[in-house]
């Protein structure tokens, strides 16, 4: 798997939310400034070539759907961040976020409870 560019990731977020969509359906859901239809179509084609999307043909149009789940990409992206910025140490990463976000003891307890329950 490869890291997505910012606009690619924005488009994938919409596909993950919708599960299936035509290009015209995702443009209104993208952040401003809205890209032109042709720009989105090009990025969707690239995402398909990269293996993130596939399509079904509906008449003369393509309805696209994610092949890689949001969770799969989250795992990949997080491993990349932990590797690049925290020497492969999840405790260092968590300590960084706890410090930077000024997490309270209650926040930390909630995180521990979520981890213990296996729910994210």
PDB file of N, CA and C in Angstrom:
ATOM      1  N   UNK A   1       0.853  -1.177   0.000  1.00  0.00           N
ATOM      2  CA  UNK A   1       0.000   0.000   0.000  1.00  0.00           C
ATOM      3  C   UNK A   1       0.895   1.236   0.000  1.00  0.00           C
ATOM      4  N   UNK A   2       0.405   2.290  -0.609  1.00  0.00           N
ATOM      5  CA  UNK A   2       1.175   3.531  -0.673  1.00  0.00           C
ATOM      6  C   UNK A   2       0.390   4.669  -0.036  1.00  0.00           C
ATOM      7  N   UNK A   3       1.126   5.671   0.424  1.00  0.00           N
ATOM      8  CA  UNK A   3       0.499   6.837   1.058  1.00  0.00           C
ATOM      9  C   UNK A   3      -0.209   7.663  -0.006  1.00  0.00           C
ATOM     10  N   UNK A   4      -1.385   8.137   0.329  1.00  0.00           N
ATOM     11  CA  UNK A   4      -2.178   8.944  -0.592  1.00  0.00           C
ATOM     12  C   UNK A   4      -1.829  10.419  -0.453  1.00  0.00           C
ATOM     13  N   UNK A   5      -1.937  11.135  -1.556  1.00  0.00           N
ATOM     14  CA  UNK A   5      -1.807  12.589  -1.538  1.00  0.00           C
ATOM     15  C   UNK A   5      -3.056  13.163  -0.854  1.00  0.00           C
ATOM     16  N   UNK A   6      -2.975  14.412  -0.436  1.00  0.00           N
ATOM     17  CA  UNK A   6      -4.067  15.037   0.324  1.00  0.00           C
ATOM     18  C   UNK A   6      -5.413  14.954  -0.404  1.00  0.00           C
ATOM     19  N   UNK A   7      -5.462  15.345  -1.668  1.00  0.00           N
ATOM     20  CA  UNK A   7      -6.732  15.338  -2.408  1.00  0.00           C
ATOM     21  C   UNK A   7      -7.215  13.903  -2.621  1.00  0.00           C
ATOM     22  N   UNK A   8      -6.281  12.970  -2.858  1.00  0.00           N
ATOM     23  CA  UNK A   8      -6.663  11.563  -2.994  1.00  0.00           C
ATOM     24  C   UNK A   8      -7.330  11.076  -1.704  1.00  0.00           C
ATOM     25  N   UNK A   9      -6.746  11.448  -0.580  1.00  0.00           N
ATOM     26  CA  UNK A   9      -7.296  11.038   0.708  1.00  0.00           C
ATOM     27  C   UNK A   9      -8.680  11.654   0.935  1.00  0.00           C
ATOM     28  N   UNK A  10      -8.857  12.915   0.550  1.00  0.00           N
ATOM     29  CA  UNK A  10     -10.165  13.566   0.686  1.00  0.00           C
ATOM     30  C   UNK A  10     -11.217  12.831  -0.139  1.00  0.00           C
ATOM     31  N   UNK A  11     -10.853  12.440  -1.333  1.00  0.00           N
ATOM     32  CA  UNK A  11     -11.788  11.721  -2.193  1.00  0.00           C
ATOM     33  C   UNK A  11     -12.097  10.346  -1.609  1.00  0.00           C
ATOM     34  N   UNK A  12     -11.075   9.664  -1.112  1.00  0.00           N
ATOM     35  CA  UNK A  12     -11.305   8.355  -0.491  1.00  0.00           C
ATOM     36  C   UNK A  12     -12.203   8.479   0.735  1.00  0.00           C
ATOM     37  N   UNK A  13     -12.056   9.532   1.520  1.00  0.00           N
ATOM     38  CA  UNK A  13     -12.922   9.732   2.689  1.00  0.00           C
ATOM     39  C   UNK A  13     -14.391   9.750   2.260  1.00  0.00           C
ATOM     40  N   UNK A  14     -14.681  10.420   1.157  1.00  0.00           N
ATOM     41  CA  UNK A  14     -16.057  10.482   0.652  1.00  0.00           C
ATOM     42  C   UNK A  14     -16.524   9.099   0.204  1.00  0.00           C
ATOM     43  N   UNK A  15     -15.675   8.383  -0.521  1.00  0.00           N
ATOM     44  CA  UNK A  15     -16.058   7.034  -0.947  1.00  0.00           C
ATOM     45  C   UNK A  15     -16.267   6.115   0.257  1.00  0.00           C
ATOM     46  N   UNK A  16     -15.423   6.236   1.278  1.00  0.00           N
ATOM     47  CA  UNK A  16     -15.611   5.413   2.473  1.00  0.00           C
ATOM     48  C   UNK A  16     -16.929   5.745   3.161  1.00  0.00           C
ATOM     49  N   UNK A  17     -17.307   7.015   3.152  1.00  0.00           N
ATOM     50  CA  UNK A  17     -18.589   7.411   3.767  1.00  0.00           C
ATOM     51  C   UNK A  17     -19.780   6.906   2.961  1.00  0.00           C
ATOM     52  N   UNK A  18     -19.683   6.963   1.635  1.00  0.00           N
ATOM     53  CA  UNK A  18     -20.816   6.613   0.771  1.00  0.00           C
ATOM     54  C   UNK A  18     -20.856   5.134   0.369  1.00  0.00           C
ATOM     55  N   UNK A  19     -19.731   4.470   0.393  1.00  0.00           N
ATOM     56  CA  UNK A  19     -19.564   3.076  -0.034  1.00  0.00           C
ATOM     57  C   UNK A  19     -19.586   2.894  -1.542  1.00  0.00           C
ATOM     58  N   UNK A  20     -20.408   3.622  -2.246  1.00  0.00           N
ATOM     59  CA  UNK A  20     -20.518   3.542  -3.702  1.00  0.00           C
ATOM     60  C   UNK A  20     -20.974   4.892  -4.201  1.00  0.00           C
ATOM     61  N   UNK A  21     -20.376   5.361  -5.300  1.00  0.00           N
ATOM     62  CA  UNK A  21     -20.811   6.665  -5.806  1.00  0.00           C
ATOM     63  C   UNK A  21     -20.304   6.903  -7.219  1.00  0.00           C
ATOM     64  N   UNK A  22     -21.040   7.758  -7.921  1.00  0.00           N
ATOM     65  CA  UNK A  22     -20.587   8.288  -9.192  1.00  0.00           C
ATOM     66  C   UNK A  22     -19.744   9.521  -8.887  1.00  0.00           C
ATOM     67  N   UNK A  23     -18.890   9.894  -9.800  1.00  0.00           N
ATOM     68  CA  UNK A  23     -18.025  11.057  -9.577  1.00  0.00           C
ATOM     69  C   UNK A  23     -18.851  12.293  -9.265  1.00  0.00           C
ATOM     70  N   UNK A  24     -19.935  12.492  -9.983  1.00  0.00           N
ATOM     71  CA  UNK A  24     -20.770  13.689  -9.768  1.00  0.00           C
ATOM     72  C   UNK A  24     -21.332  13.740  -8.347  1.00  0.00           C
ATOM     73  N   UNK A  25     -21.476  12.580  -7.693  1.00  0.00           N
ATOM     74  CA  UNK A  25     -22.030  12.525  -6.339  1.00  0.00           C
ATOM     75  C   UNK A  25     -21.024  12.935  -5.271  1.00  0.00           C
ATOM     76  N   UNK A  26     -19.735  12.770  -5.557  1.00  0.00           N
ATOM     77  CA  UNK A  26     -18.750  13.061  -4.513  1.00  0.00           C
ATOM     78  C   UNK A  26     -18.271  14.507  -4.522  1.00  0.00           C
ATOM     79  N   UNK A  27     -18.340  15.169  -5.648  1.00  0.00           N
ATOM     80  CA  UNK A  27     -17.822  16.540  -5.754  1.00  0.00           C
ATOM     81  C   UNK A  27     -18.452  17.481  -4.722  1.00  0.00           C
ATOM     82  N   UNK A  28     -19.784  17.481  -4.535  1.00  0.00           N
ATOM     83  CA  UNK A  28     -20.361  18.396  -3.541  1.00  0.00           C
ATOM     84  C   UNK A  28     -19.908  18.106  -2.104  1.00  0.00           C
ATOM     85  N   UNK A  29     -19.419  16.900  -1.856  1.00  0.00           N
ATOM     86  CA  UNK A  29     -19.012  16.517  -0.507  1.00  0.00           C
ATOM     87  C   UNK A  29     -17.536  16.789  -0.228  1.00  0.00           C
ATOM     88  N   UNK A  30     -16.806  17.243  -1.227  1.00  0.00           N
ATOM     89  CA  UNK A  30     -15.394  17.566  -1.039  1.00  0.00           C
ATOM     90  C   UNK A  30     -15.244  18.965  -0.454  1.00  0.00           C
ATOM     91  N   UNK A  31     -14.143  19.208   0.271  1.00  0.00           N
ATOM     92  CA  UNK A  31     -13.939  20.540   0.856  1.00  0.00           C
ATOM     93  C   UNK A  31     -13.718  21.601  -0.225  1.00  0.00           C
ATOM     94  N   UNK A  32     -14.028  22.831   0.124  1.00  0.00           N
ATOM     95  CA  UNK A  32     -13.799  23.966  -0.781  1.00  0.00           C
ATOM     96  C   UNK A  32     -12.313  24.263  -0.843  1.00  0.00           C
ATOM     97  N   UNK A  33     -11.814  24.743  -1.925  1.00  0.00           N
ATOM     98  CA  UNK A  33     -12.503  24.985  -3.188  1.00  0.00           C
ATOM     99  C   UNK A  33     -12.794  23.660  -3.907  1.00  0.00           C
ATOM    100  N   UNK A  34     -14.004  23.546  -4.424  1.00  0.00           N
ATOM    101  CA  UNK A  34     -14.419  22.322  -5.116  1.00  0.00           C
ATOM    102  C   UNK A  34     -13.594  22.140  -6.390  1.00  0.00           C
ATOM    103  N   UNK A  35     -13.031  20.962  -6.572  1.00  0.00           N
ATOM    104  CA  UNK A  35     -12.278  20.717  -7.803  1.00  0.00           C
ATOM    105  C   UNK A  35     -13.231  20.527  -8.983  1.00  0.00           C
ATOM    106  N   UNK A  36     -12.714  20.729 -10.167  1.00  0.00           N
ATOM    107  CA  UNK A  36     -13.474  20.536 -11.391  1.00  0.00           C
ATOM    108  C   UNK A  36     -13.734  19.044 -11.587  1.00  0.00           C
ATOM    109  N   UNK A  37     -14.817  18.712 -12.245  1.00  0.00           N
ATOM    110  CA  UNK A  37     -15.181  17.317 -12.508  1.00  0.00           C
ATOM    111  C   UNK A  37     -14.016  16.538 -13.126  1.00  0.00           C
ATOM    112  N   UNK A  38     -13.362  17.124 -14.140  1.00  0.00           N
ATOM    113  CA  UNK A  38     -12.264  16.421 -14.813  1.00  0.00           C
ATOM    114  C   UNK A  38     -11.104  16.129 -13.866  1.00  0.00           C
ATOM    115  N   UNK A  39     -10.833  17.039 -12.938  1.00  0.00           N
ATOM    116  CA  UNK A  39      -9.760  16.820 -11.958  1.00  0.00           C
ATOM    117  C   UNK A  39     -10.104  15.648 -11.054  1.00  0.00           C
ATOM    118  N   UNK A  40     -11.351  15.596 -10.604  1.00  0.00           N
ATOM    119  CA  UNK A  40     -11.788  14.494  -9.742  1.00  0.00           C
ATOM    120  C   UNK A  40     -11.745  13.184 -10.519  1.00  0.00           C
ATOM    121  N   UNK A  41     -12.200  13.216 -11.763  1.00  0.00           N
ATOM    122  CA  UNK A  41     -12.190  12.007 -12.593  1.00  0.00           C
ATOM    123  C   UNK A  41     -10.760  11.479 -12.757  1.00  0.00           C
ATOM    124  N   UNK A  42      -9.805  12.369 -12.942  1.00  0.00           N
ATOM    125  CA  UNK A  42      -8.400  11.964 -13.066  1.00  0.00           C
ATOM    126  C   UNK A  42      -7.899  11.322 -11.778  1.00  0.00           C
ATOM    127  N   UNK A  43      -8.221  11.929 -10.649  1.00  0.00           N
ATOM    128  CA  UNK A  43      -7.779  11.382  -9.360  1.00  0.00           C
ATOM    129  C   UNK A  43      -8.450  10.042  -9.081  1.00  0.00           C
ATOM    130  N   UNK A  44      -9.719   9.919  -9.419  1.00  0.00           N
ATOM    131  CA  UNK A  44     -10.426   8.647  -9.241  1.00  0.00           C
ATOM    132  C   UNK A  44      -9.770   7.562 -10.090  1.00  0.00           C
ATOM    133  N   UNK A  45      -9.384   7.906 -11.308  1.00  0.00           N
ATOM    134  CA  UNK A  45      -8.691   6.940 -12.175  1.00  0.00           C
ATOM    135  C   UNK A  45      -7.367   6.518 -11.538  1.00  0.00           C
ATOM    136  N   UNK A  46      -6.638   7.470 -10.980  1.00  0.00           N
ATOM    137  CA  UNK A  46      -5.371   7.171 -10.307  1.00  0.00           C
ATOM    138  C   UNK A  46      -5.616   6.266  -9.098  1.00  0.00           C
ATOM    139  N   UNK A  47      -6.662   6.561  -8.321  1.00  0.00           N
ATOM    140  CA  UNK A  47      -6.990   5.737  -7.153  1.00  0.00           C
ATOM    141  C   UNK A  47      -7.356   4.317  -7.576  1.00  0.00           C
ATOM    142  N   UNK A  48      -7.989   4.195  -8.715  1.00  0.00           N
ATOM    143  CA  UNK A  48      -8.321   2.866  -9.236  1.00  0.00           C
ATOM    144  C   UNK A  48      -7.040   2.129  -9.661  1.00  0.00           C
ATOM    145  N   UNK A  49      -6.140   2.844 -10.309  1.00  0.00           N
ATOM    146  CA  UNK A  49      -4.862   2.244 -10.719  1.00  0.00           C
ATOM    147  C   UNK A  49      -4.021   1.824  -9.513  1.00  0.00           C
ATOM    148  N   UNK A  50      -4.122   2.587  -8.425  1.00  0.00           N
ATOM    149  CA  UNK A  50      -3.374   2.276  -7.203  1.00  0.00           C
ATOM    150  C   UNK A  50      -4.024   1.147  -6.398  1.00  0.00           C
ATOM    151  N   UNK A  51      -5.226   0.721  -6.809  1.00  0.00           N
ATOM    152  CA  UNK A  51      -5.905  -0.380  -6.141  1.00  0.00           C
ATOM    153  C   UNK A  51      -6.796   0.028  -4.981  1.00  0.00           C
ATOM    154  N   UNK A  52      -7.096   1.312  -4.851  1.00  0.00           N
ATOM    155  CA  UNK A  52      -7.957   1.788  -3.776  1.00  0.00           C
ATOM    156  C   UNK A  52      -9.438   1.732  -4.156  1.00  0.00           C
ATOM    157  N   UNK A  53      -9.724   1.887  -5.445  1.00  0.00           N
ATOM    158  CA  UNK A  53     -11.102   1.888  -5.931  1.00  0.00           C
ATOM    159  C   UNK A  53     -11.256   0.864  -7.051  1.00  0.00           C
ATOM    160  N   UNK A  54     -12.503   0.466  -7.253  1.00  0.00           N
ATOM    161  CA  UNK A  54     -12.875  -0.313  -8.422  1.00  0.00           C
ATOM    162  C   UNK A  54     -14.208   0.255  -8.894  1.00  0.00           C
ATOM    163  N   UNK A  55     -14.730  -0.235  -9.995  1.00  0.00           N
ATOM    164  CA  UNK A  55     -15.997   0.312 -10.475  1.00  0.00           C
ATOM    165  C   UNK A  55     -16.889  -0.773 -11.065  1.00  0.00           C
ATOM    166  N   UNK A  56     -18.172  -0.438 -11.113  1.00  0.00           N
ATOM    167  CA  UNK A  56     -19.176  -1.208 -11.834  1.00  0.00           C
ATOM    168  C   UNK A  56     -19.677  -0.292 -12.942  1.00  0.00           C
ATOM    169  N   UNK A  57     -20.010  -0.860 -14.067  1.00  0.00           N
ATOM    170  CA  UNK A  57     -20.549  -0.059 -15.150  1.00  0.00           C
ATOM    171  C   UNK A  57     -22.063  -0.017 -15.032  1.00  0.00           C
ATOM    172  N   UNK A  58     -22.589   1.194 -15.079  1.00  0.00           N
ATOM    173  CA  UNK A  58     -24.029   1.416 -15.041  1.00  0.00           C
ATOM    174  C   UNK A  58     -24.389   2.220 -16.284  1.00  0.00           C
ATOM    175  N   UNK A  59     -24.838   1.527 -17.318  1.00  0.00           N
ATOM    176  CA  UNK A  59     -25.087   2.203 -18.590  1.00  0.00           C
ATOM    177  C   UNK A  59     -23.756   2.614 -19.180  1.00  0.00           C
ATOM    178  N   UNK A  60     -23.605   3.918 -19.410  1.00  0.00           N
ATOM    179  CA  UNK A  60     -22.327   4.407 -19.935  1.00  0.00           C
ATOM    180  C   UNK A  60     -21.514   5.129 -18.853  1.00  0.00           C
ATOM    181  N   UNK A  61     -21.876   4.909 -17.584  1.00  0.00           N
ATOM    182  CA  UNK A  61     -21.182   5.563 -16.473  1.00  0.00           C
ATOM    183  C   UNK A  61     -20.559   4.511 -15.559  1.00  0.00           C
ATOM    184  N   UNK A  62     -19.604   4.960 -14.761  1.00  0.00           N
ATOM    185  CA  UNK A  62     -18.960   4.080 -13.795  1.00  0.00           C
ATOM    186  C   UNK A  62     -19.366   4.484 -12.385  1.00  0.00           C
ATOM    187  N   UNK A  63     -19.773   3.492 -11.605  1.00  0.00           N
ATOM    188  CA  UNK A  63     -20.067   3.691 -10.189  1.00  0.00           C
ATOM    189  C   UNK A  63     -18.883   3.085  -9.428  1.00  0.00           C
ATOM    190  N   UNK A  64     -18.197   3.922  -8.662  1.00  0.00           N
ATOM    191  CA  UNK A  64     -16.968   3.506  -7.991  1.00  0.00           C
ATOM    192  C   UNK A  64     -17.233   3.095  -6.551  1.00  0.00           C
ATOM    193  N   UNK A  65     -16.401   2.185  -6.060  1.00  0.00           N
ATOM    194  CA  UNK A  65     -16.511   1.734  -4.670  1.00  0.00           C
ATOM    195  C   UNK A  65     -15.113   1.420  -4.136  1.00  0.00           C
ATOM    196  N   UNK A  66     -14.911   1.584  -2.818  1.00  0.00           N
ATOM    197  CA  UNK A  66     -13.602   1.325  -2.223  1.00  0.00           C
ATOM    198  C   UNK A  66     -13.257  -0.163  -2.228  1.00  0.00           C
ATOM    199  N   UNK A  67     -12.007  -0.456  -2.488  1.00  0.00           N
ATOM    200  CA  UNK A  67     -11.489  -1.811  -2.404  1.00  0.00           C
ATOM    201  C   UNK A  67     -10.730  -1.960  -1.083  1.00  0.00           C
ATOM    202  N   UNK A  68     -10.089  -0.889  -0.665  1.00  0.00           N
ATOM    203  CA  UNK A  68      -9.362  -0.859   0.609  1.00  0.00           C
ATOM    204  C   UNK A  68     -10.231  -0.105   1.607  1.00  0.00           C
ATOM    205  N   UNK A  69     -10.437  -0.696   2.773  1.00  0.00           N
ATOM    206  CA  UNK A  69     -11.292  -0.074   3.779  1.00  0.00           C
ATOM    207  C   UNK A  69     -10.580   1.085   4.485  1.00  0.00           C
ATOM    208  N   UNK A  70     -11.368   1.932   5.089  1.00  0.00           N
ATOM    209  CA  UNK A  70     -10.831   3.038   5.867  1.00  0.00           C
ATOM    210  C   UNK A  70      -9.909   2.500   6.966  1.00  0.00           C
ATOM    211  N   UNK A  71     -10.329   1.408   7.607  1.00  0.00           N
ATOM    212  CA  UNK A  71      -9.555   0.830   8.706  1.00  0.00           C
ATOM    213  C   UNK A  71      -8.203   0.312   8.223  1.00  0.00           C
ATOM    214  N   UNK A  72      -8.190  -0.331   7.054  1.00  0.00           N
ATOM    215  CA  UNK A  72      -6.922  -0.813   6.493  1.00  0.00           C
ATOM    216  C   UNK A  72      -5.976   0.357   6.236  1.00  0.00           C
ATOM    217  N   UNK A  73      -6.514   1.435   5.683  1.00  0.00           N
ATOM    218  CA  UNK A  73      -5.664   2.594   5.393  1.00  0.00           C
ATOM    219  C   UNK A  73      -5.220   3.276   6.682  1.00  0.00           C
ATOM    220  N   UNK A  74      -6.100   3.352   7.676  1.00  0.00           N
ATOM    221  CA  UNK A  74      -5.720   3.942   8.965  1.00  0.00           C
ATOM    222  C   UNK A  74      -4.543   3.188   9.570  1.00  0.00           C
ATOM    223  N   UNK A  75      -4.607   1.865   9.547  1.00  0.00           N
ATOM    224  CA  UNK A  75      -3.519   1.056  10.094  1.00  0.00           C
ATOM    225  C   UNK A  75      -2.222   1.341   9.354  1.00  0.00           C
ATOM    226  N   UNK A  76      -2.285   1.371   8.034  1.00  0.00           N
ATOM    227  CA  UNK A  76      -1.096   1.644   7.228  1.00  0.00           C
ATOM    228  C   UNK A  76      -0.537   3.030   7.547  1.00  0.00           C
ATOM    229  N   UNK A  77      -1.404   4.047   7.534  1.00  0.00           N
ATOM    230  CA  UNK A  77      -0.957   5.421   7.743  1.00  0.00           C
ATOM    231  C   UNK A  77      -0.380   5.600   9.142  1.00  0.00           C
ATOM    232  N   UNK A  78      -0.993   4.980  10.135  1.00  0.00           N
ATOM    233  CA  UNK A  78      -0.501   5.106  11.505  1.00  0.00           C
ATOM    234  C   UNK A  78       0.867   4.447  11.655  1.00  0.00           C
ATOM    235  N   UNK A  79       1.035   3.278  11.064  1.00  0.00           N
ATOM    236  CA  UNK A  79       2.345   2.611  11.117  1.00  0.00           C
ATOM    237  C   UNK A  79       3.410   3.490  10.482  1.00  0.00           C
ATOM    238  N   UNK A  80       3.052   4.148   9.391  1.00  0.00           N
ATOM    239  CA  UNK A  80       3.976   5.038   8.696  1.00  0.00           C
ATOM    240  C   UNK A  80       4.372   6.209   9.600  1.00  0.00           C
ATOM    241  N   UNK A  81       3.411   6.818  10.265  1.00  0.00           N
ATOM    242  CA  UNK A  81       3.677   7.947  11.161  1.00  0.00           C
ATOM    243  C   UNK A  81       4.528   7.500  12.343  1.00  0.00           C
ATOM    244  N   UNK A  82       4.167   6.377  12.940  1.00  0.00           N
ATOM    245  CA  UNK A  82       4.918   5.873  14.100  1.00  0.00           C
ATOM    246  C   UNK A  82       6.358   5.568  13.687  1.00  0.00           C
ATOM    247  N   UNK A  83       6.526   4.996  12.519  1.00  0.00           N
ATOM    248  CA  UNK A  83       7.863   4.670  12.022  1.00  0.00           C
ATOM    249  C   UNK A  83       8.669   5.936  11.737  1.00  0.00           C
ATOM    250  N   UNK A  84       8.077   6.891  11.030  1.00  0.00           N
ATOM    251  CA  UNK A  84       8.804   8.091  10.601  1.00  0.00           C
ATOM    252  C   UNK A  84       9.073   9.093  11.716  1.00  0.00           C
ATOM    253  N   UNK A  85       8.173   9.195  12.692  1.00  0.00           N
ATOM    254  CA  UNK A  85       8.276  10.273  13.675  1.00  0.00           C
ATOM    255  C   UNK A  85       8.500   9.819  15.116  1.00  0.00           C
ATOM    256  N   UNK A  86       8.285   8.547  15.406  1.00  0.00           N
ATOM    257  CA  UNK A  86       8.361   8.099  16.795  1.00  0.00           C
ATOM    258  C   UNK A  86       9.220   6.848  16.986  1.00  0.00           C
ATOM    259  N   UNK A  87      10.167   6.615  16.080  1.00  0.00           N
ATOM    260  CA  UNK A  87      11.090   5.471  16.191  1.00  0.00           C
ATOM    261  C   UNK A  87      10.361   4.153  16.444  1.00  0.00           C
ATOM    262  N   UNK A  88       9.255   3.954  15.752  1.00  0.00           N
ATOM    263  CA  UNK A  88       8.459   2.716  15.885  1.00  0.00           C
ATOM    264  C   UNK A  88       7.957   2.479  17.310  1.00  0.00           C
ATOM    265  N   UNK A  89       7.774   3.539  18.064  1.00  0.00           N
ATOM    266  CA  UNK A  89       7.336   3.404  19.457  1.00  0.00           C
ATOM    267  C   UNK A  89       5.941   4.002  19.642  1.00  0.00           C
ATOM    268  N   UNK A  90       4.961   3.118  19.846  1.00  0.00           N
ATOM    269  CA  UNK A  90       3.604   3.602  20.109  1.00  0.00           C
ATOM    270  C   UNK A  90       3.525   4.332  21.450  1.00  0.00           C
ATOM    271  N   UNK A  91       4.224   3.867  22.490  1.00  0.00           N
ATOM    272  CA  UNK A  91       4.209   4.638  23.742  1.00  0.00           C
ATOM    273  C   UNK A  91       4.721   6.072  23.555  1.00  0.00           C
ATOM    274  N   UNK A  92       5.775   6.256  22.747  1.00  0.00           N
ATOM    275  CA  UNK A  92       6.274   7.617  22.482  1.00  0.00           C
ATOM    276  C   UNK A  92       5.223   8.448  21.761  1.00  0.00           C
ATOM    277  N   UNK A  93       4.535   7.821  20.807  1.00  0.00           N
ATOM    278  CA  UNK A  93       3.503   8.541  20.071  1.00  0.00           C
ATOM    279  C   UNK A  93       2.370   8.962  21.012  1.00  0.00           C
ATOM    280  N   UNK A  94       1.914   8.029  21.844  1.00  0.00           N
ATOM    281  CA  UNK A  94       0.834   8.349  22.775  1.00  0.00           C
ATOM    282  C   UNK A  94       1.250   9.423  23.766  1.00  0.00           C
ATOM    283  N   UNK A  95       2.493   9.341  24.236  1.00  0.00           N
ATOM    284  CA  UNK A  95       2.989  10.367  25.166  1.00  0.00           C
ATOM    285  C   UNK A  95       3.025  11.727  24.483  1.00  0.00           C
ATOM    286  N   UNK A  96       3.437  11.761  23.237  1.00  0.00           N
ATOM    287  CA  UNK A  96       3.464  13.009  22.478  1.00  0.00           C
ATOM    288  C   UNK A  96       2.066  13.618  22.384  1.00  0.00           C
ATOM    289  N   UNK A  97       1.087  12.801  21.999  1.00  0.00           N
ATOM    290  CA  UNK A  97      -0.271  13.318  21.866  1.00  0.00           C
ATOM    291  C   UNK A  97      -0.857  13.721  23.215  1.00  0.00           C
ATOM    292  N   UNK A  98      -0.547  12.964  24.250  1.00  0.00           N
ATOM    293  CA  UNK A  98      -1.048  13.309  25.578  1.00  0.00           C
ATOM    294  C   UNK A  98      -0.509  14.669  25.998  1.00  0.00           C
ATOM    295  N   UNK A  99       0.763  14.900  25.731  1.00  0.00           N
ATOM    296  CA  UNK A  99       1.386  16.179  26.098  1.00  0.00           C
ATOM    297  C   UNK A  99       0.873  17.320  25.223  1.00  0.00           C
ATOM    298  N   UNK A 100       0.889  17.111  23.906  1.00  0.00           N
ATOM    299  CA  UNK A 100       0.507  18.170  22.974  1.00  0.00           C
ATOM    300  C   UNK A 100      -0.964  18.562  23.099  1.00  0.00           C
ATOM    301  N   UNK A 101      -1.805  17.600  23.358  1.00  0.00           N
ATOM    302  CA  UNK A 101      -3.241  17.868  23.439  1.00  0.00           C
ATOM    303  C   UNK A 101      -3.688  18.184  24.863  1.00  0.00           C
ATOM    304  N   UNK A 102      -2.719  18.177  25.779  1.00  0.00           N
ATOM    305  CA  UNK A 102      -2.997  18.467  27.193  1.00  0.00           C
ATOM    306  C   UNK A 102      -4.162  17.605  27.705  1.00  0.00           C
ATOM    307  N   UNK A 103      -4.016  16.288  27.505  1.00  0.00           N
ATOM    308  CA  UNK A 103      -5.055  15.365  27.928  1.00  0.00           C
ATOM    309  C   UNK A 103      -5.144  15.322  29.440  1.00  0.00           C
ATOM    310  N   UNK A 104      -6.363  15.254  29.930  1.00  0.00           N
ATOM    311  CA  UNK A 104      -6.595  15.174  31.369  1.00  0.00           C
ATOM    312  C   UNK A 104      -6.462  13.723  31.819  1.00  0.00           C
ATOM    313  N   UNK A 105      -6.440  13.536  33.117  1.00  0.00           N
ATOM    314  CA  UNK A 105      -6.387  12.175  33.647  1.00  0.00           C
ATOM    315  C   UNK A 105      -7.636  11.404  33.227  1.00  0.00           C
ATOM    316  N   UNK A 106      -8.759  12.093  33.162  1.00  0.00           N
ATOM    317  CA  UNK A 106     -10.005  11.462  32.723  1.00  0.00           C
ATOM    318  C   UNK A 106      -9.874  10.985  31.267  1.00  0.00           C
ATOM    319  N   UNK A 107      -9.278  11.825  30.413  1.00  0.00           N
ATOM    320  CA  UNK A 107      -9.054  11.445  29.015  1.00  0.00           C
ATOM    321  C   UNK A 107      -8.186  10.193  28.932  1.00  0.00           C
ATOM    322  N   UNK A 108      -7.110  10.175  29.709  1.00  0.00           N
ATOM    323  CA  UNK A 108      -6.198   9.032  29.692  1.00  0.00           C
ATOM    324  C   UNK A 108      -6.887   7.765  30.191  1.00  0.00           C
ATOM    325  N   UNK A 109      -7.708   7.894  31.232  1.00  0.00           N
ATOM    326  CA  UNK A 109      -8.465   6.742  31.730  1.00  0.00           C
ATOM    327  C   UNK A 109      -9.413   6.216  30.653  1.00  0.00           C
ATOM    328  N   UNK A 110     -10.036   7.142  29.921  1.00  0.00           N
ATOM    329  CA  UNK A 110     -10.946   6.738  28.847  1.00  0.00           C
ATOM    330  C   UNK A 110     -10.190   5.985  27.748  1.00  0.00           C
ATOM    331  N   UNK A 111      -9.002   6.457  27.420  1.00  0.00           N
ATOM    332  CA  UNK A 111      -8.177   5.779  26.412  1.00  0.00           C
ATOM    333  C   UNK A 111      -7.823   4.371  26.880  1.00  0.00           C
ATOM    334  N   UNK A 112      -7.422   4.237  28.129  1.00  0.00           N
ATOM    335  CA  UNK A 112      -7.067   2.931  28.676  1.00  0.00           C
ATOM    336  C   UNK A 112      -8.278   1.986  28.635  1.00  0.00           C
ATOM    337  N   UNK A 113      -9.441   2.502  28.994  1.00  0.00           N
ATOM    338  CA  UNK A 113     -10.665   1.690  28.965  1.00  0.00           C
ATOM    339  C   UNK A 113     -11.017   1.237  27.542  1.00  0.00           C
ATOM    340  N   UNK A 114     -10.849   2.140  26.594  1.00  0.00           N
ATOM    341  CA  UNK A 114     -11.118   1.782  25.191  1.00  0.00           C
ATOM    342  C   UNK A 114     -10.167   0.683  24.743  1.00  0.00           C
ATOM    343  N   UNK A 115      -8.890   0.808  25.108  1.00  0.00           N
ATOM    344  CA  UNK A 115      -7.902  -0.193  24.725  1.00  0.00           C
ATOM    345  C   UNK A 115      -8.236  -1.534  25.369  1.00  0.00           C
ATOM    346  N   UNK A 116      -8.602  -1.519  26.652  1.00  0.00           N
ATOM    347  CA  UNK A 116      -8.930  -2.762  27.363  1.00  0.00           C
ATOM    348  C   UNK A 116     -10.136  -3.456  26.739  1.00  0.00           C
ATOM    349  N   UNK A 117     -11.111  -2.683  26.305  1.00  0.00           N
ATOM    350  CA  UNK A 117     -12.319  -3.247  25.709  1.00  0.00           C
ATOM    351  C   UNK A 117     -12.112  -3.627  24.245  1.00  0.00           C
ATOM    352  N   UNK A 118     -11.009  -3.167  23.667  1.00  0.00           N
ATOM    353  CA  UNK A 118     -10.735  -3.467  22.270  1.00  0.00           C
ATOM    354  C   UNK A 118     -11.608  -2.708  21.309  1.00  0.00           C
ATOM    355  N   UNK A 119     -12.176  -1.592  21.752  1.00  0.00           N
ATOM    356  CA  UNK A 119     -13.053  -0.790  20.896  1.00  0.00           C
ATOM    357  C   UNK A 119     -12.353   0.490  20.517  1.00  0.00           C
ATOM    358  N   UNK A 120     -12.354   0.753  19.236  1.00  0.00           N
ATOM    359  CA  UNK A 120     -11.771   2.027  18.765  1.00  0.00           C
ATOM    360  C   UNK A 120     -12.766   2.673  17.835  1.00  0.00           C
TER     361      UNK A 120
END
